């Protein structure tokens, strides 16, 4: 890397030791190059997990998204959310069937054993 902006951070000794372990394992010539690579990989993973959805003025969520973009936010687990929504949709679609009616019954009543009156 040539001259340009640079980042100067304080880190605990344990973190620097782990960085050095990574540096030597991947045969990087300097601690700075190892740190740049790890930072680049972490940021790519973060932004891959939280892709931005296009929102236009007039959309129902426009104000919410605009306010969120102004604040730091953690990555949303999109795949987990989509899987949960798919399960909910399947459950709603099957409400009329006998299987869904049995599934809605409380698991407590079907798994709890009651004391028998027999001796």
N, C-alpha and C. Protein backbone atom coordinates (compact mmCIF):
# COMPACT_ATOMS: atom_id res chain seq x y z
N UNK A 1 0.85 -1.18 0.00
CA UNK A 1 0.00 0.00 0.00
C UNK A 1 0.89 1.23 0.00
N UNK A 2 0.52 2.15 -0.82
CA UNK A 2 1.27 3.40 -0.87
C UNK A 2 0.78 4.37 0.18
N UNK A 3 1.15 5.61 0.00
CA UNK A 3 0.71 6.63 0.93
C UNK A 3 -0.78 6.90 0.73
N UNK A 4 -1.46 7.09 1.77
CA UNK A 4 -2.90 7.33 1.72
C UNK A 4 -3.43 7.39 3.13
N UNK A 5 -4.75 7.34 3.28
CA UNK A 5 -5.30 7.36 4.63
C UNK A 5 -4.80 6.15 5.42
N UNK A 6 -4.65 6.35 6.70
CA UNK A 6 -4.21 5.22 7.50
C UNK A 6 -5.01 5.15 8.78
N UNK A 7 -5.07 3.94 9.35
CA UNK A 7 -5.85 3.65 10.55
C UNK A 7 -4.89 3.29 11.67
N UNK A 8 -5.06 3.95 12.80
CA UNK A 8 -4.21 3.69 13.95
C UNK A 8 -5.13 3.30 15.10
N UNK A 9 -5.03 2.06 15.59
CA UNK A 9 -5.93 1.61 16.66
C UNK A 9 -5.12 1.02 17.81
N UNK A 10 -5.72 1.08 18.99
CA UNK A 10 -5.15 0.40 20.15
C UNK A 10 -5.84 -0.95 20.26
N UNK A 11 -5.07 -1.97 20.59
CA UNK A 11 -5.63 -3.31 20.72
C UNK A 11 -4.97 -4.01 21.91
N UNK A 12 -5.72 -4.86 22.60
CA UNK A 12 -5.12 -5.61 23.71
C UNK A 12 -4.06 -6.58 23.19
N UNK A 13 -3.13 -6.91 24.07
CA UNK A 13 -2.03 -7.80 23.69
C UNK A 13 -2.53 -9.14 23.16
N UNK A 14 -3.61 -9.67 23.75
CA UNK A 14 -4.14 -10.97 23.30
C UNK A 14 -4.60 -10.89 21.84
N UNK A 15 -5.22 -9.78 21.47
CA UNK A 15 -5.68 -9.62 20.09
C UNK A 15 -4.49 -9.50 19.13
N UNK A 16 -3.45 -8.77 19.55
CA UNK A 16 -2.26 -8.65 18.71
C UNK A 16 -1.55 -10.00 18.58
N UNK A 17 -1.57 -10.80 19.64
CA UNK A 17 -0.97 -12.14 19.55
C UNK A 17 -1.74 -13.00 18.55
N UNK A 18 -3.06 -12.91 18.58
CA UNK A 18 -3.87 -13.67 17.62
C UNK A 18 -3.64 -13.18 16.20
N UNK A 19 -3.48 -11.86 16.04
CA UNK A 19 -3.18 -11.29 14.72
C UNK A 19 -1.83 -11.80 14.22
N UNK A 20 -0.85 -11.85 15.11
CA UNK A 20 0.46 -12.38 14.72
C UNK A 20 0.38 -13.86 14.35
N UNK A 21 -0.41 -14.63 15.11
CA UNK A 21 -0.59 -16.05 14.77
C UNK A 21 -1.17 -16.18 13.36
N UNK A 22 -2.18 -15.35 13.05
CA UNK A 22 -2.78 -15.37 11.71
C UNK A 22 -1.74 -14.97 10.67
N UNK A 23 -0.98 -13.93 10.98
CA UNK A 23 0.02 -13.42 10.04
C UNK A 23 1.02 -14.51 9.68
N UNK A 24 1.51 -15.21 10.70
CA UNK A 24 2.51 -16.24 10.43
C UNK A 24 1.90 -17.47 9.75
N UNK A 25 0.67 -17.79 10.10
CA UNK A 25 0.01 -18.96 9.48
C UNK A 25 -0.26 -18.71 7.99
N UNK A 26 -0.56 -17.46 7.64
CA UNK A 26 -0.84 -17.15 6.23
C UNK A 26 0.35 -16.53 5.52
N UNK A 27 1.49 -16.44 6.23
CA UNK A 27 2.76 -15.95 5.67
C UNK A 27 2.67 -14.54 5.11
N UNK A 28 2.02 -13.68 5.86
CA UNK A 28 1.93 -12.26 5.47
C UNK A 28 3.23 -11.57 5.90
N UNK A 29 3.74 -10.64 5.07
CA UNK A 29 5.00 -9.99 5.41
C UNK A 29 4.92 -9.01 6.58
N UNK A 30 3.71 -8.51 6.87
CA UNK A 30 3.62 -7.54 7.96
C UNK A 30 2.30 -7.71 8.72
N UNK A 31 2.31 -7.20 9.93
CA UNK A 31 1.10 -7.22 10.76
C UNK A 31 0.02 -6.35 10.12
N UNK A 32 0.42 -5.24 9.51
CA UNK A 32 -0.54 -4.33 8.87
C UNK A 32 -1.26 -5.03 7.71
N UNK A 33 -0.53 -5.78 6.91
CA UNK A 33 -1.16 -6.47 5.79
C UNK A 33 -2.14 -7.54 6.28
N UNK A 34 -1.78 -8.24 7.33
CA UNK A 34 -2.68 -9.24 7.91
C UNK A 34 -3.95 -8.57 8.45
N UNK A 35 -3.78 -7.43 9.13
CA UNK A 35 -4.94 -6.71 9.68
C UNK A 35 -5.82 -6.19 8.55
N UNK A 36 -5.22 -5.66 7.46
CA UNK A 36 -6.01 -5.18 6.31
C UNK A 36 -6.83 -6.30 5.70
N UNK A 37 -6.22 -7.47 5.54
CA UNK A 37 -6.94 -8.60 4.95
C UNK A 37 -8.11 -9.04 5.83
N UNK A 38 -7.88 -9.14 7.13
CA UNK A 38 -8.96 -9.56 8.04
C UNK A 38 -10.07 -8.52 8.08
N UNK A 39 -9.73 -7.26 8.09
CA UNK A 39 -10.73 -6.19 8.10
C UNK A 39 -11.55 -6.22 6.81
N UNK A 40 -10.87 -6.41 5.69
CA UNK A 40 -11.57 -6.48 4.40
C UNK A 40 -12.53 -7.67 4.37
N UNK A 41 -12.10 -8.83 4.83
CA UNK A 41 -12.97 -10.02 4.84
C UNK A 41 -14.18 -9.82 5.75
N UNK A 42 -13.95 -9.22 6.92
CA UNK A 42 -15.05 -9.01 7.87
C UNK A 42 -16.07 -8.04 7.30
N UNK A 43 -15.62 -6.97 6.67
CA UNK A 43 -16.56 -5.99 6.10
C UNK A 43 -17.33 -6.57 4.92
N UNK A 44 -16.67 -7.38 4.10
CA UNK A 44 -17.39 -8.02 2.98
C UNK A 44 -18.47 -8.95 3.52
N UNK A 45 -18.15 -9.72 4.56
CA UNK A 45 -19.14 -10.64 5.14
C UNK A 45 -20.29 -9.85 5.75
N UNK A 46 -20.01 -8.74 6.41
CA UNK A 46 -21.05 -7.93 7.03
C UNK A 46 -22.01 -7.39 5.98
N UNK A 47 -21.47 -6.80 4.92
CA UNK A 47 -22.33 -6.19 3.92
C UNK A 47 -23.02 -7.23 3.04
N UNK A 48 -22.46 -8.41 2.93
CA UNK A 48 -23.14 -9.48 2.19
C UNK A 48 -24.38 -9.94 2.96
N UNK A 49 -24.26 -9.96 4.28
CA UNK A 49 -25.38 -10.42 5.12
C UNK A 49 -26.48 -9.37 5.22
N UNK A 50 -26.14 -8.10 5.05
CA UNK A 50 -27.15 -7.04 5.20
C UNK A 50 -27.22 -6.18 3.95
N UNK A 51 -27.68 -6.77 2.88
CA UNK A 51 -27.82 -6.02 1.63
C UNK A 51 -28.93 -4.98 1.77
N UNK A 52 -28.72 -3.85 1.13
CA UNK A 52 -29.68 -2.76 1.21
C UNK A 52 -30.82 -3.00 0.21
N UNK A 53 -32.04 -2.82 0.67
CA UNK A 53 -33.19 -2.94 -0.21
C UNK A 53 -33.56 -1.54 -0.71
N UNK A 54 -33.89 -1.41 -1.99
CA UNK A 54 -34.26 -0.09 -2.50
C UNK A 54 -35.61 0.36 -1.92
N UNK A 55 -35.64 1.57 -1.42
CA UNK A 55 -36.88 2.13 -0.86
C UNK A 55 -37.05 3.52 -1.46
N UNK A 56 -38.25 3.80 -1.94
CA UNK A 56 -38.54 5.08 -2.58
C UNK A 56 -39.50 5.88 -1.72
N UNK A 57 -39.47 7.21 -1.86
CA UNK A 57 -40.46 8.02 -1.14
C UNK A 57 -41.87 7.56 -1.51
N UNK A 58 -42.71 7.46 -0.52
CA UNK A 58 -44.07 6.97 -0.75
C UNK A 58 -44.24 5.51 -0.33
N UNK A 59 -43.14 4.76 -0.23
CA UNK A 59 -43.22 3.38 0.25
C UNK A 59 -43.58 3.40 1.73
N UNK A 60 -44.31 2.38 2.21
CA UNK A 60 -44.73 2.37 3.61
C UNK A 60 -43.58 2.43 4.61
N UNK A 61 -42.44 1.84 4.27
CA UNK A 61 -41.32 1.78 5.21
C UNK A 61 -40.27 2.87 4.97
N UNK A 62 -40.58 3.84 4.14
CA UNK A 62 -39.58 4.84 3.75
C UNK A 62 -39.00 5.58 4.97
N UNK A 63 -39.86 6.08 5.85
CA UNK A 63 -39.38 6.85 7.00
C UNK A 63 -38.53 5.98 7.93
N UNK A 64 -38.95 4.73 8.13
CA UNK A 64 -38.20 3.82 8.99
C UNK A 64 -36.81 3.55 8.42
N UNK A 65 -36.75 3.27 7.13
CA UNK A 65 -35.46 2.95 6.50
C UNK A 65 -34.55 4.17 6.52
N UNK A 66 -35.10 5.34 6.24
CA UNK A 66 -34.28 6.56 6.26
C UNK A 66 -33.69 6.80 7.65
N UNK A 67 -34.48 6.59 8.69
CA UNK A 67 -33.96 6.82 10.04
C UNK A 67 -32.93 5.76 10.41
N UNK A 68 -33.11 4.52 9.93
CA UNK A 68 -32.15 3.46 10.22
C UNK A 68 -30.81 3.70 9.54
N UNK A 69 -30.85 4.24 8.34
CA UNK A 69 -29.61 4.47 7.61
C UNK A 69 -28.75 5.52 8.29
N UNK A 70 -29.35 6.35 9.10
CA UNK A 70 -28.59 7.39 9.79
C UNK A 70 -27.96 6.86 11.08
N UNK A 71 -28.36 5.68 11.50
CA UNK A 71 -27.84 5.11 12.73
C UNK A 71 -27.05 3.84 12.42
N UNK A 72 -25.99 3.56 13.19
CA UNK A 72 -25.29 2.30 12.97
C UNK A 72 -26.22 1.14 13.32
N UNK A 73 -26.21 0.12 12.51
CA UNK A 73 -27.08 -1.02 12.74
C UNK A 73 -26.30 -2.31 12.56
N UNK A 74 -26.70 -3.31 13.29
CA UNK A 74 -26.07 -4.62 13.13
C UNK A 74 -26.67 -5.30 11.91
N UNK A 75 -25.94 -6.24 11.36
CA UNK A 75 -26.42 -6.97 10.20
C UNK A 75 -27.65 -7.79 10.57
N UNK A 76 -28.62 -7.79 9.68
CA UNK A 76 -29.82 -8.60 9.91
C UNK A 76 -29.58 -10.01 9.39
N UNK A 77 -29.97 -11.02 10.13
CA UNK A 77 -29.81 -12.39 9.65
C UNK A 77 -30.90 -12.71 8.63
N UNK A 78 -30.74 -12.23 7.40
CA UNK A 78 -31.77 -12.31 6.37
C UNK A 78 -32.21 -13.76 6.13
N UNK A 79 -31.28 -14.68 6.05
CA UNK A 79 -31.64 -16.08 5.76
C UNK A 79 -32.50 -16.67 6.87
N UNK A 80 -32.18 -16.34 8.11
CA UNK A 80 -32.98 -16.84 9.23
C UNK A 80 -34.38 -16.24 9.22
N UNK A 81 -34.46 -14.96 8.90
CA UNK A 81 -35.76 -14.29 8.85
C UNK A 81 -36.61 -14.88 7.73
N UNK A 82 -36.01 -15.09 6.56
CA UNK A 82 -36.76 -15.67 5.44
C UNK A 82 -37.24 -17.08 5.77
N UNK A 83 -36.41 -17.89 6.43
CA UNK A 83 -36.81 -19.24 6.80
C UNK A 83 -37.97 -19.21 7.79
N UNK A 84 -37.92 -18.29 8.75
CA UNK A 84 -39.00 -18.17 9.74
C UNK A 84 -40.30 -17.73 9.07
N UNK A 85 -40.21 -16.78 8.14
CA UNK A 85 -41.41 -16.33 7.42
C UNK A 85 -42.02 -17.47 6.59
N UNK A 86 -41.16 -18.26 5.95
CA UNK A 86 -41.66 -19.39 5.16
C UNK A 86 -42.40 -20.39 6.05
N UNK A 87 -41.85 -20.67 7.25
CA UNK A 87 -42.54 -21.59 8.17
C UNK A 87 -43.89 -21.02 8.60
N UNK A 88 -43.94 -19.71 8.88
CA UNK A 88 -45.21 -19.10 9.28
C UNK A 88 -46.24 -19.16 8.15
N UNK A 89 -45.79 -18.91 6.93
CA UNK A 89 -46.71 -18.97 5.78
C UNK A 89 -47.25 -20.38 5.59
N UNK A 90 -46.38 -21.38 5.73
CA UNK A 90 -46.84 -22.77 5.60
C UNK A 90 -47.85 -23.10 6.69
N UNK A 91 -47.59 -22.63 7.90
CA UNK A 91 -48.50 -22.90 9.01
C UNK A 91 -49.85 -22.23 8.78
N UNK A 92 -49.85 -21.01 8.28
CA UNK A 92 -51.10 -20.31 8.01
C UNK A 92 -51.88 -20.97 6.88
N UNK A 93 -51.17 -21.44 5.86
CA UNK A 93 -51.83 -22.07 4.72
C UNK A 93 -52.48 -23.39 5.13
N UNK A 94 -51.95 -24.07 6.12
CA UNK A 94 -52.47 -25.37 6.52
C UNK A 94 -53.45 -25.31 7.67
N UNK A 95 -53.92 -24.15 8.06
CA UNK A 95 -54.82 -24.04 9.22
C UNK A 95 -56.12 -24.79 9.05
N UNK A 96 -56.62 -24.92 7.85
CA UNK A 96 -57.91 -25.58 7.63
C UNK A 96 -57.83 -27.09 7.70
N UNK A 97 -56.64 -27.64 7.60
CA UNK A 97 -56.52 -29.10 7.55
C UNK A 97 -56.53 -29.70 8.96
N UNK A 98 -56.78 -30.99 9.02
CA UNK A 98 -56.81 -31.70 10.31
C UNK A 98 -55.41 -31.75 10.92
N UNK A 99 -54.40 -31.83 10.06
CA UNK A 99 -53.02 -31.86 10.56
C UNK A 99 -52.69 -30.58 11.31
N UNK A 100 -53.06 -29.45 10.74
CA UNK A 100 -52.78 -28.16 11.37
C UNK A 100 -53.56 -28.04 12.68
N UNK A 101 -54.78 -28.56 12.71
CA UNK A 101 -55.57 -28.49 13.94
C UNK A 101 -54.88 -29.28 15.04
N UNK A 102 -54.32 -30.42 14.71
CA UNK A 102 -53.59 -31.22 15.69
C UNK A 102 -52.31 -30.53 16.12
N UNK A 103 -51.67 -29.83 15.19
CA UNK A 103 -50.42 -29.13 15.51
C UNK A 103 -50.67 -27.94 16.41
N UNK A 104 -51.87 -27.34 16.31
CA UNK A 104 -52.16 -26.18 17.15
C UNK A 104 -52.45 -26.57 18.59
N UNK A 105 -52.77 -27.84 18.82
CA UNK A 105 -53.02 -28.29 20.17
C UNK A 105 -51.77 -28.07 21.01
N UNK A 106 -51.93 -27.75 22.22
CA UNK A 106 -50.79 -27.46 23.09
C UNK A 106 -49.91 -28.69 23.22
N UNK A 107 -48.61 -28.48 23.11
CA UNK A 107 -47.69 -29.61 23.26
C UNK A 107 -47.70 -30.10 24.70
N UNK A 108 -48.06 -29.24 25.65
CA UNK A 108 -48.11 -29.66 27.05
C UNK A 108 -49.15 -30.75 27.26
N UNK A 109 -50.32 -30.58 26.64
CA UNK A 109 -51.38 -31.57 26.86
C UNK A 109 -51.06 -32.89 26.20
N UNK A 110 -50.30 -32.88 25.12
CA UNK A 110 -50.04 -34.13 24.43
C UNK A 110 -48.80 -34.85 24.98
N UNK A 111 -47.94 -34.14 25.73
CA UNK A 111 -46.72 -34.79 26.20
C UNK A 111 -46.69 -35.01 27.70
N UNK A 112 -47.55 -34.37 28.43
CA UNK A 112 -47.55 -34.50 29.89
C UNK A 112 -48.28 -35.77 30.28
N UNK A 113 -47.68 -36.53 31.18
CA UNK A 113 -48.33 -37.74 31.65
C UNK A 113 -49.11 -37.40 32.92
N UNK A 114 -50.29 -37.91 33.00
CA UNK A 114 -51.13 -37.68 34.18
C UNK A 114 -51.08 -38.91 35.05
N UNK A 115 -51.17 -38.73 36.36
CA UNK A 115 -51.16 -39.92 37.25
C UNK A 115 -52.37 -40.79 36.99
N UNK A 116 -52.13 -42.06 36.98
CA UNK A 116 -53.19 -43.00 36.72
C UNK A 116 -53.97 -43.31 38.02
N UNK A 117 -55.27 -43.53 37.88
CA UNK A 117 -56.08 -43.85 39.07
C UNK A 117 -56.05 -45.36 39.34
N UNK A 118 -55.44 -46.10 38.43
CA UNK A 118 -55.34 -47.56 38.63
C UNK A 118 -54.24 -47.87 39.62
N UNK A 119 -54.38 -48.99 40.35
CA UNK A 119 -53.36 -49.37 41.31
C UNK A 119 -52.48 -50.45 40.79
